[in-house]
Amino acid sequence: MDMERLSIRTNDLVTCNGAAKILGVSRPTIYHMIERHQLHSIMIGRNRYLLRAELESLKARRKSNGNYSL
Protein backbone atom coordinates (compact mmCIF):
# COMPACT_ATOMS: atom_id res chain seq x y z
CA MET A 1 0.00 0.00 0.00
CA ASP A 2 1.47 3.35 -1.05
CA MET A 3 1.52 5.36 2.17
CA GLU A 4 3.37 8.31 0.63
CA ARG A 5 0.30 9.83 -1.01
CA LEU A 6 -2.91 8.80 0.69
CA SER A 7 -6.30 10.46 0.95
CA ILE A 8 -8.57 9.09 3.67
CA ARG A 9 -11.99 9.76 5.20
CA THR A 10 -12.75 9.28 8.88
CA ASN A 11 -14.91 6.21 8.19
CA ASP A 12 -11.82 4.63 6.54
CA LEU A 13 -10.08 4.63 9.95
CA VAL A 14 -10.46 2.04 12.69
CA THR A 15 -9.19 2.12 16.28
CA CYS A 16 -6.95 -0.65 17.55
CA ASN A 17 -9.95 -2.11 19.40
CA GLY A 18 -11.97 -2.08 16.19
CA ALA A 19 -9.09 -3.67 14.28
CA ALA A 20 -8.88 -6.43 16.86
CA LYS A 21 -12.59 -7.15 16.40
CA ILE A 22 -12.32 -7.18 12.59
CA LEU A 23 -9.39 -9.63 12.64
CA GLY A 24 -10.64 -11.65 15.60
CA VAL A 25 -7.50 -11.12 17.68
CA SER A 26 -6.57 -9.29 20.87
CA ARG A 27 -5.58 -5.63 21.02
CA PRO A 28 -1.99 -6.53 22.08
CA THR A 29 -1.76 -8.68 18.93
CA ILE A 30 -2.66 -5.61 16.85
CA TYR A 31 0.15 -3.63 18.53
CA HIS A 32 2.60 -6.48 17.87
CA MET A 33 1.58 -6.54 14.21
CA ILE A 34 2.19 -2.78 14.02
CA GLU A 35 5.63 -3.19 15.64
CA ARG A 36 6.49 -5.96 13.13
CA HIS A 37 5.31 -3.72 10.25
CA GLN A 38 2.56 -6.15 9.30
CA LEU A 39 0.04 -3.31 9.71
CA HIS A 40 0.40 0.43 9.18
CA SER A 41 -0.98 2.82 11.75
CA ILE A 42 -1.68 6.52 11.74
CA MET A 43 -1.30 8.70 14.81
CA ILE A 44 -3.82 11.52 15.14
CA GLY A 45 -3.04 13.36 18.33
CA ARG A 46 -2.52 10.66 20.94
CA ASN A 47 -4.78 8.15 19.19
CA ARG A 48 -3.66 5.40 16.84
CA TYR A 49 -5.78 4.35 13.85
CA LEU A 50 -5.52 1.71 11.15
CA LEU A 51 -6.91 1.67 7.63
CA ARG A 52 -10.08 -0.40 7.31
CA ALA A 53 -9.12 -1.43 3.75
CA GLU A 54 -5.78 -2.84 4.92
CA LEU A 55 -7.50 -4.83 7.68
CA GLU A 56 -10.15 -6.22 5.32
CA SER A 57 -7.46 -7.15 2.80
CA LEU A 58 -5.42 -8.98 5.45
CA LYS A 59 -8.51 -10.76 6.71
CA ALA A 60 -9.40 -11.92 3.17
CA ARG A 61 -5.83 -13.09 2.45
CA ARG A 62 -5.69 -15.07 5.67
CA LYS A 63 -9.05 -16.65 4.97
CA SER A 64 -8.19 -17.56 1.36
CA ASN A 65 -4.91 -19.14 2.46
CA GLY A 66 -6.72 -21.19 5.07
CA ASN A 67 -4.67 -19.48 7.77
CA TYR A 68 -7.17 -18.11 10.25
CA SER A 69 -4.61 -17.34 12.92
CA LEU A 70 -2.37 -14.29 12.81
C-alpha atoms as a PDB file:
ATOM      1  CA  MET A   1       0.000   0.000   0.000  1.00  0.00           C
ATOM      2  CA  ASP A   2       1.467   3.351  -1.052  1.00  0.00           C
ATOM      3  CA  MET A   3       1.515   5.365   2.169  1.00  0.00           C
ATOM      4  CA  GLU A   4       3.366   8.312   0.630  1.00  0.00           C
ATOM      5  CA  ARG A   5       0.296   9.829  -1.014  1.00  0.00           C
ATOM      6  CA  LEU A   6      -2.906   8.799   0.685  1.00  0.00           C
ATOM      7  CA  SER A   7      -6.304  10.457   0.949  1.00  0.00           C
ATOM      8  CA  ILE A   8      -8.571   9.093   3.672  1.00  0.00           C
ATOM      9  CA  ARG A   9     -11.985   9.764   5.202  1.00  0.00           C
ATOM     10  CA  THR A  10     -12.749   9.279   8.880  1.00  0.00           C
ATOM     11  CA  ASN A  11     -14.908   6.209   8.193  1.00  0.00           C
ATOM     12  CA  ASP A  12     -11.820   4.634   6.543  1.00  0.00           C
ATOM     13  CA  LEU A  13     -10.084   4.626   9.946  1.00  0.00           C
ATOM     14  CA  VAL A  14     -10.463   2.035  12.691  1.00  0.00           C
ATOM     15  CA  THR A  15      -9.188   2.122  16.277  1.00  0.00           C
ATOM     16  CA  CYS A  16      -6.949  -0.655  17.554  1.00  0.00           C
ATOM     17  CA  ASN A  17      -9.946  -2.106  19.399  1.00  0.00           C
ATOM     18  CA  GLY A  18     -11.969  -2.081  16.189  1.00  0.00           C
ATOM     19  CA  ALA A  19      -9.087  -3.671  14.278  1.00  0.00           C
ATOM     20  CA  ALA A  20      -8.878  -6.434  16.861  1.00  0.00           C
ATOM     21  CA  LYS A  21     -12.590  -7.151  16.397  1.00  0.00           C
ATOM     22  CA  ILE A  22     -12.316  -7.184  12.594  1.00  0.00           C
ATOM     23  CA  LEU A  23      -9.388  -9.625  12.641  1.00  0.00           C
ATOM     24  CA  GLY A  24     -10.643 -11.648  15.601  1.00  0.00           C
ATOM     25  CA  VAL A  25      -7.498 -11.118  17.676  1.00  0.00           C
ATOM     26  CA  SER A  26      -6.574  -9.287  20.873  1.00  0.00           C
ATOM     27  CA  ARG A  27      -5.577  -5.633  21.019  1.00  0.00           C
ATOM     28  CA  PRO A  28      -1.992  -6.525  22.077  1.00  0.00           C
ATOM     29  CA  THR A  29      -1.757  -8.680  18.926  1.00  0.00           C
ATOM     30  CA  ILE A  30      -2.656  -5.609  16.846  1.00  0.00           C
ATOM     31  CA  TYR A  31       0.145  -3.628  18.527  1.00  0.00           C
ATOM     32  CA  HIS A  32       2.602  -6.484  17.874  1.00  0.00           C
ATOM     33  CA  MET A  33       1.584  -6.536  14.212  1.00  0.00           C
ATOM     34  CA  ILE A  34       2.189  -2.781  14.018  1.00  0.00           C
ATOM     35  CA  GLU A  35       5.630  -3.192  15.635  1.00  0.00           C
ATOM     36  CA  ARG A  36       6.493  -5.962  13.129  1.00  0.00           C
ATOM     37  CA  HIS A  37       5.311  -3.716  10.249  1.00  0.00           C
ATOM     38  CA  GLN A  38       2.556  -6.151   9.301  1.00  0.00           C
ATOM     39  CA  LEU A  39       0.039  -3.314   9.715  1.00  0.00           C
ATOM     40  CA  HIS A  40       0.403   0.426   9.181  1.00  0.00           C
ATOM     41  CA  SER A  41      -0.978   2.817  11.751  1.00  0.00           C
ATOM     42  CA  ILE A  42      -1.675   6.523  11.738  1.00  0.00           C
ATOM     43  CA  MET A  43      -1.304   8.703  14.810  1.00  0.00           C
ATOM     44  CA  ILE A  44      -3.820  11.523  15.143  1.00  0.00           C
ATOM     45  CA  GLY A  45      -3.037  13.355  18.330  1.00  0.00           C
ATOM     46  CA  ARG A  46      -2.517  10.657  20.940  1.00  0.00           C
ATOM     47  CA  ASN A  47      -4.783   8.150  19.191  1.00  0.00           C
ATOM     48  CA  ARG A  48      -3.659   5.396  16.838  1.00  0.00           C
ATOM     49  CA  TYR A  49      -5.778   4.353  13.853  1.00  0.00           C
ATOM     50  CA  LEU A  50      -5.521   1.712  11.151  1.00  0.00           C
ATOM     51  CA  LEU A  51      -6.914   1.668   7.631  1.00  0.00           C
ATOM     52  CA  ARG A  52     -10.085  -0.404   7.311  1.00  0.00           C
ATOM     53  CA  ALA A  53      -9.116  -1.433   3.753  1.00  0.00           C
ATOM     54  CA  GLU A  54      -5.780  -2.838   4.919  1.00  0.00           C
ATOM     55  CA  LEU A  55      -7.502  -4.828   7.682  1.00  0.00           C
ATOM     56  CA  GLU A  56     -10.148  -6.222   5.323  1.00  0.00           C
ATOM     57  CA  SER A  57      -7.456  -7.154   2.796  1.00  0.00           C
ATOM     58  CA  LEU A  58      -5.416  -8.976   5.454  1.00  0.00           C
ATOM     59  CA  LYS A  59      -8.511 -10.763   6.706  1.00  0.00           C
ATOM     60  CA  ALA A  60      -9.405 -11.915   3.173  1.00  0.00           C
ATOM     61  CA  ARG A  61      -5.827 -13.087   2.447  1.00  0.00           C
ATOM     62  CA  ARG A  62      -5.689 -15.072   5.674  1.00  0.00           C
ATOM     63  CA  LYS A  63      -9.046 -16.654   4.967  1.00  0.00           C
ATOM     64  CA  SER A  64      -8.194 -17.558   1.355  1.00  0.00           C
ATOM     65  CA  ASN A  65      -4.906 -19.140   2.462  1.00  0.00           C
ATOM     66  CA  GLY A  66      -6.720 -21.194   5.072  1.00  0.00           C
ATOM     67  CA  ASN A  67      -4.669 -19.480   7.772  1.00  0.00           C
ATOM     68  CA  TYR A  68      -7.170 -18.106  10.246  1.00  0.00           C
ATOM     69  CA  SER A  69      -4.611 -17.336  12.918  1.00  0.00           C
ATOM     70  CA  LEU A  70      -2.371 -14.290  12.814  1.00  0.00           C
END
